[in-house]
Protein backbone atom coordinates (compact mmCIF):
# COMPACT_ATOMS: atom_id res chain seq x y z
CA MET A 1 5.93 -14.15 -1.55
CA VAL A 2 6.32 -15.90 1.94
CA SER A 3 2.97 -16.85 3.67
CA PRO A 4 3.05 -15.41 7.46
CA GLY A 5 2.60 -17.54 10.55
CA ALA A 6 -0.01 -16.81 12.79
CA ASP A 7 2.55 -17.09 15.49
CA GLU A 8 4.66 -14.15 14.49
CA PRO A 9 4.79 -10.76 16.90
CA ASN A 10 3.36 -7.79 15.46
CA ALA A 11 5.92 -5.66 13.71
CA LEU A 12 4.06 -2.95 13.55
CA PRO A 13 2.95 -1.88 16.93
CA GLY A 14 1.82 1.67 15.57
CA LEU A 15 -0.45 0.46 13.30
CA SER A 16 -4.01 0.44 14.41
CA LEU A 17 -7.04 -1.76 12.71
CA GLU A 18 -8.83 1.84 12.03
CA LEU A 19 -5.64 3.22 10.09
CA LEU A 20 -5.91 -0.02 7.99
CA ARG A 21 -9.41 0.32 7.37
CA ARG A 22 -9.00 3.89 6.26
CA ALA A 23 -6.05 3.24 4.07
CA VAL A 24 -8.18 0.48 2.09
CA GLU A 25 -11.24 2.51 1.43
CA ILE A 26 -9.28 5.15 -0.04
CA TYR A 27 -7.35 2.86 -1.97
CA LEU A 28 -10.51 1.14 -3.23
CA ARG A 29 -12.47 4.46 -4.17
CA ILE A 30 -9.72 5.31 -6.25
CA ALA A 31 -8.87 1.90 -7.82
CA TYR A 32 -12.57 1.29 -8.69
CA PRO A 33 -14.12 4.78 -9.28
CA ALA A 34 -17.55 2.68 -10.91
CA SER A 35 -17.51 -0.35 -10.24
CA GLY A 36 -16.59 -0.89 -6.74
CA PRO A 37 -14.07 -3.74 -5.75
CA THR A 38 -14.53 -7.22 -7.08
CA PRO A 39 -16.05 -9.95 -4.73
CA ALA A 40 -12.74 -11.95 -4.22
CA VAL A 41 -11.38 -8.31 -3.10
CA ARG A 42 -14.43 -7.60 -0.59
CA LYS A 43 -13.82 -11.13 0.96
CA ARG A 44 -10.39 -10.00 1.40
CA ILE A 45 -10.87 -6.72 3.58
CA ASP A 46 -13.96 -8.62 5.36
CA TRP A 47 -12.19 -8.63 8.78
CA THR A 48 -13.36 -9.81 11.92
CA PRO A 49 -14.45 -6.75 13.87
CA GLY A 50 -12.14 -5.70 16.69
CA VAL A 51 -9.09 -8.17 15.35
CA GLU A 52 -5.55 -7.49 16.11
CA PRO A 53 -3.92 -5.59 13.13
CA GLY A 54 -0.38 -7.91 14.07
CA SER A 55 -2.50 -10.45 13.77
CA LEU A 56 -4.39 -9.44 10.74
CA LEU A 57 -1.24 -8.91 8.76
CA ASN A 58 0.13 -12.32 9.66
CA ARG A 59 -2.45 -14.72 7.94
CA PRO A 60 -4.27 -14.76 4.57
CA PRO A 61 -4.91 -12.49 2.33
CA PHE A 62 -1.98 -10.63 4.02
CA GLU A 63 1.20 -11.76 2.05
CA ARG A 64 4.76 -11.33 3.33
CA VAL A 65 6.41 -10.09 0.33
CA SER A 66 10.23 -9.33 2.15
CA LYS A 67 13.02 -10.44 0.74
CA PRO A 68 14.60 -13.60 2.23
CA GLY A 69 17.08 -12.54 5.05
CA ASP A 70 15.15 -9.18 5.73
CA GLU A 71 14.64 -8.65 9.34
CA LYS A 72 11.69 -6.33 9.37
CA PRO A 73 8.59 -7.84 7.47
CA ILE A 74 6.76 -6.03 4.50
CA PHE A 75 3.08 -6.80 4.07
CA ALA A 76 1.08 -6.91 1.05
CA LEU A 77 -2.64 -6.97 0.40
CA ARG A 78 -3.42 -7.44 -2.98
CA LEU A 79 -6.52 -5.35 -3.93
CA GLY A 80 -6.08 -4.71 -7.41
CA ASN A 81 -7.88 -2.18 -9.42
CA ALA A 82 -10.98 -1.97 -12.41
CA ARG A 83 -8.04 -3.39 -14.85
CA TYR A 84 -5.91 -5.02 -13.23
CA PRO A 85 -6.35 -7.74 -10.12
CA HIS A 86 -2.35 -7.74 -8.90
CA MET A 87 -1.82 -4.21 -8.23
CA LYS A 88 -0.98 -4.52 -4.26
CA MET A 89 -1.44 -2.04 -0.75
CA GLN A 90 2.16 -2.75 1.13
CA ILE A 91 2.72 -1.63 4.65
CA GLN A 92 6.15 -1.90 5.99
CA PRO A 93 8.08 -0.89 8.76
CA TRP A 94 10.11 2.87 8.79
CA ASP A 95 11.94 4.92 11.18
CA GLY A 96 9.41 7.41 11.69
CA LYS A 97 7.18 8.47 14.14
CA ASP A 98 4.55 6.00 13.10
CA GLY A 99 6.76 3.23 12.70
CA PHE A 100 5.39 2.09 9.44
CA LEU A 101 4.50 3.27 5.98
CA ILE A 102 1.74 2.48 3.39
CA SER A 103 2.42 2.47 -0.39
CA VAL A 104 1.02 1.11 -3.88
CA ASN A 105 3.11 -1.62 -5.45
CA THR A 106 1.89 -1.56 -9.01
CA HIS A 107 3.08 -5.60 -9.08
CA ASP A 108 3.33 -4.91 -13.03
CA HIS A 109 7.50 -4.63 -13.67
CA ALA A 110 8.14 -8.29 -13.29
CA LEU A 111 7.12 -9.46 -16.34
CA ALA A 112 9.14 -9.56 -19.18
CA LEU A 113 7.31 -8.40 -22.56
CA ASP A 114 8.81 -8.40 -26.33
CA PRO A 115 8.94 -4.72 -26.62
CA ALA A 116 8.11 -5.25 -30.48
CA GLY A 117 5.71 -7.90 -29.65
CA PRO A 118 1.77 -7.26 -30.41
CA ASP A 119 0.59 -6.71 -27.09
CA ALA A 120 3.58 -4.44 -25.90
CA ASP A 121 1.86 -1.14 -26.37
CA ALA A 122 -1.51 -2.18 -24.40
CA PHE A 123 0.85 -3.75 -21.67
CA LYS A 124 2.76 -0.06 -21.62
CA ALA A 125 -0.59 1.68 -21.74
CA LEU A 126 -1.68 -0.83 -18.45
CA GLN A 127 1.53 0.19 -16.67
CA ALA A 128 0.92 3.87 -17.00
CA GLU A 129 -2.76 3.75 -15.86
CA ASN A 130 -1.17 1.48 -12.78
CA GLN A 131 1.06 4.42 -12.04
CA ARG A 132 -1.45 7.10 -12.00
CA LEU A 133 -3.43 5.04 -10.06
CA LYS A 134 -0.13 4.44 -7.30
CA ALA A 135 -0.14 8.18 -7.31
CA GLU A 136 -3.35 9.29 -6.95
CA ILE A 137 -3.73 6.47 -4.13
CA GLU A 138 -0.69 7.79 -2.49
CA GLN A 139 -1.51 11.57 -2.73
CA ALA A 140 -4.92 11.08 -1.09
CA TRP A 141 -3.60 8.91 1.82
CA ASP A 142 -1.05 11.98 2.40
CA GLU A 143 -3.76 14.18 2.07
CA ALA A 144 -5.74 11.89 4.66
CA GLU A 145 -2.76 12.34 7.15
CA LEU A 146 -1.64 8.84 6.60
CA PRO A 147 1.99 7.37 7.12
CA THR A 148 3.24 7.90 3.47
CA PHE A 149 7.01 8.20 2.52
CA PRO A 150 6.38 11.93 1.65
CA ARG A 151 4.89 12.50 4.87
CA TYR A 152 7.79 11.08 6.43
CA LEU A 153 10.03 12.93 4.26
CA ARG A 154 8.34 16.61 4.97
CA ASP A 155 8.43 15.74 8.88
CA TYR A 156 12.28 14.31 8.79
CA LEU A 157 13.04 17.47 6.38
CA ALA A 158 11.49 19.86 9.34
CA GLY A 159 13.14 17.98 11.87
CA ARG A 160 16.86 18.88 10.45
CA GLY A 161 15.71 22.48 10.35
CA GLN A 162 15.78 22.67 6.79
CA GLY A 163 13.37 25.51 6.34
CA PRO A 164 10.13 26.15 7.86
CA ARG A 165 7.93 23.37 8.73
CA PRO A 166 5.51 21.84 6.19
CA PRO A 167 2.19 22.06 5.82
CA THR A 168 0.36 19.02 7.30
CA ARG A 169 -1.73 19.30 4.21
CA PRO A 170 -0.38 20.06 0.78
CA ASP A 171 -2.16 22.92 -1.06
CA SER A 172 -4.82 22.37 -3.21
């Protein structure tokens, strides 16, 4: 993780504060269905009204999670979930009409765990729940017509003449 600098230009000019707030609200509704977010998470999303998204992304609580040498920055906001505090919402540049995609990083695959250890089954259950939440959040973003990879892929295939244009919302 690299701390972004406040003087860096907005790498995602198509991102609006309204879209960012909608994405966070959907994420939190699914990640914290009963309790609502923790005070630490609430503090992370207490943004100054009218702040420019580029300025917001380039300072804490956002993290720059790009690999060293990457030209295009990937930004993450640690929002967690009711069982695991490290899950993140990611915003990354993408060559599509919106210029970026949002996704969920479960942030639980970097840990090395002894598969025969006493906590292995509990950790696997946590990973499965994180994956379920990721899928549910990203589906809800897609249904809200936010820029996700499945939406980009449908638009890309439709633009290539690969059959009829897909519906803007998946059938429920």
